[in-house]
C-alpha atoms as a PDB file:
ATOM      1  CA  MET A   1     150.785  42.506  11.451  1.00  0.00           C
ATOM      2  CA  VAL A   2     148.167  40.997  13.743  1.00  0.00           C
ATOM      3  CA  ASP A   3     145.324  43.303  12.707  1.00  0.00           C
ATOM      4  CA  LYS A   4     144.061  40.901  10.041  1.00  0.00           C
ATOM      5  CA  PHE A   5     143.474  38.279  12.777  1.00  0.00           C
ATOM      6  CA  LEU A   6     141.320  40.583  14.938  1.00  0.00           C
ATOM      7  CA  ARG A   7     138.077  40.456  12.962  1.00  0.00           C
ATOM      8  CA  GLY A   8     136.244  37.861  15.038  1.00  0.00           C
ATOM      9  CA  GLU A   9     136.300  39.173  18.611  1.00  0.00           C
ATOM     10  CA  GLN A  10     139.835  37.899  19.256  1.00  0.00           C
ATOM     11  CA  ASP A  11     141.732  39.165  22.282  1.00  0.00           C
ATOM     12  CA  PRO A  12     144.462  41.403  20.757  1.00  0.00           C
ATOM     13  CA  LYS A  13     147.004  40.636  23.482  1.00  0.00           C
ATOM     14  CA  ALA A  14     146.494  36.885  23.171  1.00  0.00           C
ATOM     15  CA  VAL A  15     146.715  37.004  19.375  1.00  0.00           C
ATOM     16  CA  GLU A  16     149.883  39.089  19.468  1.00  0.00           C
ATOM     17  CA  LYS A  17     151.497  36.693  21.929  1.00  0.00           C
ATOM     18  CA  ILE A  18     150.583  33.650  19.830  1.00  0.00           C
ATOM     19  CA  TYR A  19     151.625  35.393  16.623  1.00  0.00           C
ATOM     20  CA  ASN A  20     155.090  36.191  17.976  1.00  0.00           C
ATOM     21  CA  ARG A  21     155.493  32.573  19.036  1.00  0.00           C
ATOM     22  CA  LEU A  22     154.168  31.301  15.702  1.00  0.00           C
ATOM     23  CA  VAL A  23     156.660  33.323  13.665  1.00  0.00           C
ATOM     24  CA  ASP A  24     159.477  31.363  15.301  1.00  0.00           C
ATOM     25  CA  LEU A  25     157.752  28.039  14.559  1.00  0.00           C
ATOM     26  CA  LEU A  26     156.940  28.549  10.882  1.00  0.00           C
ATOM     27  CA  THR A  27     158.771  26.341   8.406  1.00  0.00           C
ATOM     28  CA  SER A  28     159.841  27.292   4.892  1.00  0.00           C
ATOM     29  CA  GLY A  29     156.808  28.279   2.821  1.00  0.00           C
ATOM     30  CA  GLU A  30     154.422  28.103   5.790  1.00  0.00           C
ATOM     31  CA  GLU A  31     151.879  30.914   6.208  1.00  0.00           C
ATOM     32  CA  ILE A  32     149.456  31.757   9.025  1.00  0.00           C
ATOM     33  CA  ILE A  33     145.839  31.630   7.837  1.00  0.00           C
ATOM     34  CA  TYR A  34     143.818  32.206  11.014  1.00  0.00           C
ATOM     35  CA  ILE A  35     144.158  32.529  14.788  1.00  0.00           C
ATOM     36  CA  ALA A  36     141.254  31.813  17.166  1.00  0.00           C
ATOM     37  CA  VAL A  37     141.250  32.634  20.889  1.00  0.00           C
ATOM     38  CA  GLN A  38     139.227  30.987  23.642  1.00  0.00           C
ATOM     39  CA  LYS A  39     136.810  33.237  25.515  1.00  0.00           C
ATOM     40  CA  LYS A  40     135.701  31.738  28.807  1.00  0.00           C
ATOM     41  CA  PRO A  41     132.491  33.096  30.357  1.00  0.00           C
ATOM     42  CA  LEU A  42     133.917  34.165  33.710  1.00  0.00           C
ATOM     43  CA  VAL A  43     137.697  34.378  33.912  1.00  0.00           C
ATOM     44  CA  ASN A  44     139.584  34.507  30.619  1.00  0.00           C
ATOM     45  CA  ILE A  45     143.066  35.519  31.788  1.00  0.00           C
ATOM     46  CA  LEU A  46     145.001  32.672  30.127  1.00  0.00           C
ATOM     47  CA  PRO A  47     142.958  31.536  27.104  1.00  0.00           C
ATOM     48  CA  ASP A  48     143.836  28.610  24.857  1.00  0.00           C
ATOM     49  CA  CYS A  49     144.403  29.421  21.195  1.00  0.00           C
ATOM     50  CA  ILE A  50     144.250  27.666  17.854  1.00  0.00           C
ATOM     51  CA  ALA A  51     146.245  28.656  14.778  1.00  0.00           C
ATOM     52  CA  ILE A  52     145.770  27.345  11.260  1.00  0.00           C
ATOM     53  CA  THR A  53     148.525  27.529   8.675  1.00  0.00           C
ATOM     54  CA  ASN A  54     148.711  26.156   5.150  1.00  0.00           C
ATOM     55  CA  LYS A  55     150.621  23.154   6.532  1.00  0.00           C
ATOM     56  CA  ARG A  56     149.170  22.326   9.958  1.00  0.00           C
ATOM     57  CA  VAL A  57     146.889  23.061  12.911  1.00  0.00           C
ATOM     58  CA  LEU A  58     148.488  24.227  16.181  1.00  0.00           C
ATOM     59  CA  PHE A  59     146.873  24.186  19.639  1.00  0.00           C
ATOM     60  CA  PHE A  60     148.418  26.538  22.194  1.00  0.00           C
ATOM     61  CA  THR A  61     147.934  26.248  25.973  1.00  0.00           C
ATOM     62  CA  PRO A  62     149.467  28.745  28.456  1.00  0.00           C
ATOM     63  CA  ALA A  63     151.630  27.177  31.184  1.00  0.00           C
ATOM     64  CA  ASN A  64     153.495  28.341  34.245  1.00  0.00           C
ATOM     65  CA  LEU A  65     150.953  31.100  34.957  1.00  0.00           C
ATOM     66  CA  GLY A  66     151.311  32.407  31.430  1.00  0.00           C
ATOM     67  CA  LEU A  67     155.103  32.576  31.467  1.00  0.00           C
ATOM     68  CA  SER A  68     155.330  29.863  28.795  1.00  0.00           C
ATOM     69  CA  ILE A  69     153.139  28.312  26.174  1.00  0.00           C
ATOM     70  CA  LYS A  70     152.790  24.653  25.302  1.00  0.00           C
ATOM     71  CA  PHE A  71     151.693  23.680  21.842  1.00  0.00           C
ATOM     72  CA  VAL A  72     150.629  20.587  19.942  1.00  0.00           C
ATOM     73  CA  ASP A  73     150.529  20.549  16.150  1.00  0.00           C
ATOM     74  CA  PHE A  74     149.085  18.226  13.464  1.00  0.00           C
ATOM     75  CA  VAL A  75     149.960  18.359   9.779  1.00  0.00           C
ATOM     76  CA  TRP A  76     147.007  18.331   7.403  1.00  0.00           C
ATOM     77  CA  LYS A  77     147.819  14.966   5.836  1.00  0.00           C
ATOM     78  CA  ASP A  78     147.424  13.357   9.289  1.00  0.00           C
ATOM     79  CA  ILE A  79     144.018  14.949   9.990  1.00  0.00           C
ATOM     80  CA  VAL A  80     141.034  12.714   9.181  1.00  0.00           C
ATOM     81  CA  ASP A  81     138.302  15.214   9.994  1.00  0.00           C
ATOM     82  CA  VAL A  82     137.487  18.495  11.716  1.00  0.00           C
ATOM     83  CA  TYR A  83     134.425  19.264  13.849  1.00  0.00           C
ATOM     84  CA  THR A  84     132.682  22.287  15.258  1.00  0.00           C
ATOM     85  CA  LYS A  85     129.810  22.300  17.721  1.00  0.00           C
ATOM     86  CA  GLU A  86     128.003  25.446  18.758  1.00  0.00           C
ATOM     87  CA  GLU A  87     126.698  25.563  22.319  1.00  0.00           C
ATOM     88  CA  ILE A  88     124.802  28.108  24.377  1.00  0.00           C
ATOM     89  CA  ILE A  89     128.035  29.844  25.288  1.00  0.00           C
ATOM     90  CA  GLY A  90     130.598  29.684  22.544  1.00  0.00           C
ATOM     91  CA  ALA A  91     131.529  26.745  20.372  1.00  0.00           C
ATOM     92  CA  ILE A  92     133.909  23.801  20.292  1.00  0.00           C
ATOM     93  CA  PHE A  93     136.399  23.155  17.513  1.00  0.00           C
ATOM     94  CA  SER A  94     138.272  19.850  17.347  1.00  0.00           C
ATOM     95  CA  VAL A  95     140.269  17.686  14.969  1.00  0.00           C
ATOM     96  CA  LYS A  96     140.664  13.924  14.654  1.00  0.00           C
ATOM     97  CA  THR A  97     143.885  12.384  13.345  1.00  0.00           C
ATOM     98  CA  THR A  98     144.684   9.192  11.446  1.00  0.00           C
ATOM     99  CA  ASN A  99     145.903   7.439  14.610  1.00  0.00           C
ATOM    100  CA  GLY A 100     142.643   8.212  16.457  1.00  0.00           C
ATOM    101  CA  ALA A 101     143.940  11.148  18.520  1.00  0.00           C
ATOM    102  CA  GLU A 102     141.541  14.055  19.122  1.00  0.00           C
ATOM    103  CA  MET A 103     142.303  17.616  20.151  1.00  0.00           C
ATOM    104  CA  GLY A 104     139.972  20.559  20.649  1.00  0.00           C
ATOM    105  CA  VAL A 105     139.246  23.881  22.313  1.00  0.00           C
ATOM    106  CA  ASP A 106     135.949  24.917  23.876  1.00  0.00           C
ATOM    107  CA  TYR A 107     134.440  28.332  24.608  1.00  0.00           C
ATOM    108  CA  LEU A 108     135.484  29.734  21.253  1.00  0.00           C
ATOM    109  CA  PRO A 109     133.420  32.679  19.950  1.00  0.00           C
ATOM    110  CA  LYS A 110     131.067  31.131  17.387  1.00  0.00           C
ATOM    111  CA  ILE A 111     132.288  33.370  14.588  1.00  0.00           C
ATOM    112  CA  GLN A 112     135.841  32.179  15.213  1.00  0.00           C
ATOM    113  CA  ALA A 113     134.803  28.518  15.357  1.00  0.00           C
ATOM    114  CA  ARG A 114     133.021  28.908  12.016  1.00  0.00           C
ATOM    115  CA  LYS A 115     136.097  30.518  10.457  1.00  0.00           C
ATOM    116  CA  LEU A 116     138.296  27.732  11.798  1.00  0.00           C
ATOM    117  CA  TYR A 117     135.957  25.150  10.317  1.00  0.00           C
ATOM    118  CA  GLN A 118     135.797  26.957   6.964  1.00  0.00           C
ATOM    119  CA  TYR A 119     139.571  27.305   6.608  1.00  0.00           C
ATOM    120  CA  ALA A 120     140.171  23.765   7.879  1.00  0.00           C
ATOM    121  CA  GLN A 121     137.814  22.318   5.276  1.00  0.00           C
ATOM    122  CA  GLU A 122     139.562  24.297   2.552  1.00  0.00           C
ATOM    123  CA  ARG A 123     142.952  23.019   3.659  1.00  0.00           C
ATOM    124  CA  LYS A 124     141.679  19.438   3.891  1.00  0.00           C
ATOM    125  CA  GLU A 125     140.312  19.696   0.353  1.00  0.00           C
ATOM    126  CA  ALA A 126     143.641  21.088  -0.868  1.00  0.00           C
ATOM    127  CA  GLU A 127     145.451  18.234   0.876  1.00  0.00           C
ATOM    128  CA  ARG A 128     143.150  15.642  -0.709  1.00  0.00           C
ATOM    129  CA  GLU A 129     143.839  17.112  -4.159  1.00  0.00           C
ATOM    130  CA  ALA A 130     147.579  17.160  -3.492  1.00  0.00           C
ATOM    131  CA  ARG A 131     147.408  13.524  -2.345  1.00  0.00           C
ATOM    132  CA  ARG A 132     145.455  12.572  -5.484  1.00  0.00           C
ATOM    133  CA  LEU A 133     148.091  14.215  -7.693  1.00  0.00           C
ATOM    134  CA  ARG A 134     150.883  12.461  -5.780  1.00  0.00           C
ATOM    135  CA  ASP A 135     149.144   9.088  -6.269  1.00  0.00           C
ATOM    136  CA  LEU A 136     148.760   9.775  -9.996  1.00  0.00           C
ATOM    137  CA  GLU A 137     152.431  10.663 -10.311  1.00  0.00           C
ATOM    138  CA  GLU A 138     153.438   7.509  -8.437  1.00  0.00           C
ATOM    139  CA  LYS A 139     151.232   5.364 -10.686  1.00  0.00           C
ATOM    140  CA  ARG A 140     152.677   7.012 -13.792  1.00  0.00           C
ATOM    141  CA  ALA A 141     156.188   6.439 -12.489  1.00  0.00           C
ATOM    142  CA  GLU A 142     155.434   2.786 -11.726  1.00  0.00           C
ATOM    143  CA  SER A 143     153.841   2.319 -15.155  1.00  0.00           C
ATOM    144  CA  GLY A 144     156.823   3.921 -16.881  1.00  0.00           C
ATOM    145  CA  SER A 145     159.214   1.725 -14.914  1.00  0.00           C
ATOM    146  CA  ILE A 146     157.353  -1.424 -15.931  1.00  0.00           C
ATOM    147  CA  GLN A 147     157.327  -0.387 -19.586  1.00  0.00           C
ATOM    148  CA  TYR A 148     161.023   0.434 -19.416  1.00  0.00           C
ATOM    149  CA  GLU A 149     161.787  -2.993 -17.988  1.00  0.00           C
ATOM    150  CA  GLN A 150     159.681  -4.650 -20.645  1.00  0.00           C
ATOM    151  CA  TYR A 151     161.090  -2.782 -23.624  1.00  0.00           C
ATOM    152  CA  ALA A 152     164.575  -1.892 -22.499  1.00  0.00           C
ATOM    153  CA  GLN A 153     165.726  -5.482 -22.119  1.00  0.00           C
ATOM    154  CA  PRO A 154     167.828  -6.563 -25.111  1.00  0.00           C
ATOM    155  CA  GLN A 155     166.048  -9.012 -27.305  1.00  0.00           C
ATOM    156  CA  ALA A 156     167.865 -12.013 -28.665  1.00  0.00           C
ATOM    157  CA  PRO A 157     168.233 -11.733 -32.456  1.00  0.00           C
ATOM    158  CA  ALA A 158     165.710 -13.847 -34.256  1.00  0.00           C
ATOM    159  CA  PHE A 159     167.118 -16.170 -36.863  1.00  0.00           C
ATOM    160  CA  PRO A 160     164.935 -18.039 -39.341  1.00  0.00           C
ATOM    161  CA  ALA A 161     164.655 -21.701 -38.606  1.00  0.00           C
ATOM    162  CA  ALA A 162     166.975 -23.737 -40.747  1.00  0.00           C
ATOM    163  CA  ALA A 163     165.071 -25.472 -43.490  1.00  0.00           C
ATOM    164  CA  ALA A 164     165.147 -29.227 -43.336  1.00  0.00           C
ATOM    165  CA  PRO A 165     167.173 -30.687 -46.166  1.00  0.00           C
ATOM    166  CA  GLU A 166     165.001 -32.053 -48.903  1.00  0.00           C
ATOM    167  CA  PRO A 167     165.180 -35.790 -49.240  1.00  0.00           C
ATOM    168  CA  VAL A 168     167.330 -36.845 -52.127  1.00  0.00           C
ATOM    169  CA  ALA A 169     165.885 -39.605 -54.218  1.00  0.00           C
ATOM    170  CA  PRO A 170     168.264 -42.549 -54.440  1.00  0.00           C
ATOM    171  CA  GLN A 171     169.854 -42.743 -57.837  1.00  0.00           C
ATOM    172  CA  ALA A 172     169.692 -45.973 -59.679  1.00  0.00           C
ATOM    173  CA  ASP A 173     172.961 -47.782 -59.970  1.00  0.00           C
ATOM    174  CA  VAL A 174     173.070 -47.746 -63.743  1.00  0.00           C
ATOM    175  CA  LYS A 175     176.623 -48.871 -64.219  1.00  0.00           C
ATOM    176  CA  PRO A 176     176.796 -47.699 -67.843  1.00  0.00           C
ATOM    177  CA  ASP A 177     180.184 -49.388 -68.380  1.00  0.00           C
ATOM    178  CA  VAL A 178     178.790 -52.858 -67.720  1.00  0.00           C
ATOM    179  CA  LEU A 179     175.862 -52.266 -70.051  1.00  0.00           C
ATOM    180  CA  THR A 180     178.163 -50.992 -72.780  1.00  0.00           C
ATOM    181  CA  GLU A 181     180.328 -54.085 -72.500  1.00  0.00           C
ATOM    182  CA  LYS A 182     177.299 -56.372 -72.786  1.00  0.00           C
ATOM    183  CA  LEU A 183     176.078 -54.501 -75.855  1.00  0.00           C
ATOM    184  CA  LYS A 184     179.524 -54.757 -77.413  1.00  0.00           C
ATOM    185  CA  LYS A 185     179.675 -58.515 -76.758  1.00  0.00           C
ATOM    186  CA  LEU A 186     176.180 -58.907 -78.138  1.00  0.00           C
ATOM    187  CA  LYS A 187     177.203 -57.019 -81.306  1.00  0.00           C
ATOM    188  CA  THR A 188     180.311 -59.149 -81.658  1.00  0.00           C
ATOM    189  CA  LEU A 189     178.226 -62.331 -81.474  1.00  0.00           C
ATOM    190  CA  PHE A 190     175.923 -60.984 -84.185  1.00  0.00           C
ATOM    191  CA  ASP A 191     178.813 -59.872 -86.405  1.00  0.00           C
ATOM    192  CA  ASN A 192     180.416 -63.287 -86.143  1.00  0.00           C
ATOM    193  CA  GLY A 193     177.146 -64.936 -87.154  1.00  0.00           C
ATOM    194  CA  LEU A 194     176.739 -66.680 -83.829  1.00  0.00           C
ATOM    195  CA  ILE A 195     173.249 -65.221 -83.292  1.00  0.00           C
ATOM    196  CA  SER A 196     170.561 -64.228 -85.721  1.00  0.00           C
ATOM    197  CA  GLN A 197     169.247 -60.758 -86.346  1.00  0.00           C
ATOM    198  CA  GLU A 198     166.107 -61.574 -84.445  1.00  0.00           C
ATOM    199  CA  GLU A 199     168.052 -62.867 -81.426  1.00  0.00           C
ATOM    200  CA  TYR A 200     170.334 -59.817 -81.524  1.00  0.00           C
ATOM    201  CA  ASN A 201     167.369 -57.401 -81.519  1.00  0.00           C
ATOM    202  CA  SER A 202     165.624 -59.322 -78.742  1.00  0.00           C
ATOM    203  CA  LYS A 203     168.701 -59.408 -76.455  1.00  0.00           C
ATOM    204  CA  LYS A 204     169.453 -55.779 -77.157  1.00  0.00           C
ATOM    205  CA  MET A 205     165.934 -54.742 -76.149  1.00  0.00           C
ATOM    206  CA  ASP A 206     166.241 -56.803 -72.966  1.00  0.00           C
ATOM    207  CA  LEU A 207     169.443 -55.002 -71.967  1.00  0.00           C
ATOM    208  CA  LEU A 208     168.080 -51.555 -72.729  1.00  0.00           C
ATOM    209  CA  SER A 209     164.861 -52.274 -70.835  1.00  0.00           C
ATOM    210  CA  ASP A 210     166.968 -52.532 -67.638  1.00  0.00           C
ATOM    211  CA  LEU A 211     167.833 -48.814 -67.800  1.00  0.00           C
END
């Protein structure tokens, strides 16, 4: 199982020890991508190790004369940047997190440091893309929520404004009964010879002109 991690001058015993510890630490869907092992120039009995998975970076440090191993891990979304620096003997690989913390291992074989850097950059790029997609989904969800609030609210039924009543022209108080009575009296006066034909016609026209 550990053979695929022994292609960059890794110490087989150190890799096997870290691998067995890693298996117990993996979460659901987490896979080991690469394991790098420190190689000090003089004494390299208890080397530090770095493991990269698809979810995080883990730094392992032997403790209690190798009887136990301490580890510190950082998930990819919390890593701002990764660095590698090649020196005369070996190389340094380190990470910087969003809260300003830095962690690194020196005296790594250069080939291993380069692999760490390569895989770390790939994972950072994948994390950036995943973050971009999450932001898009959140914006779409927010936009859909706003539209739902705007269009889902019941609208009050619109009724046409009541037309103002048209003004009614005042009707003339004709009082046809009074006029009829006057005409009748005028005719009676004419029939009885009390007024002439000319006077009758003149008075009649005056009454009718009042209509």
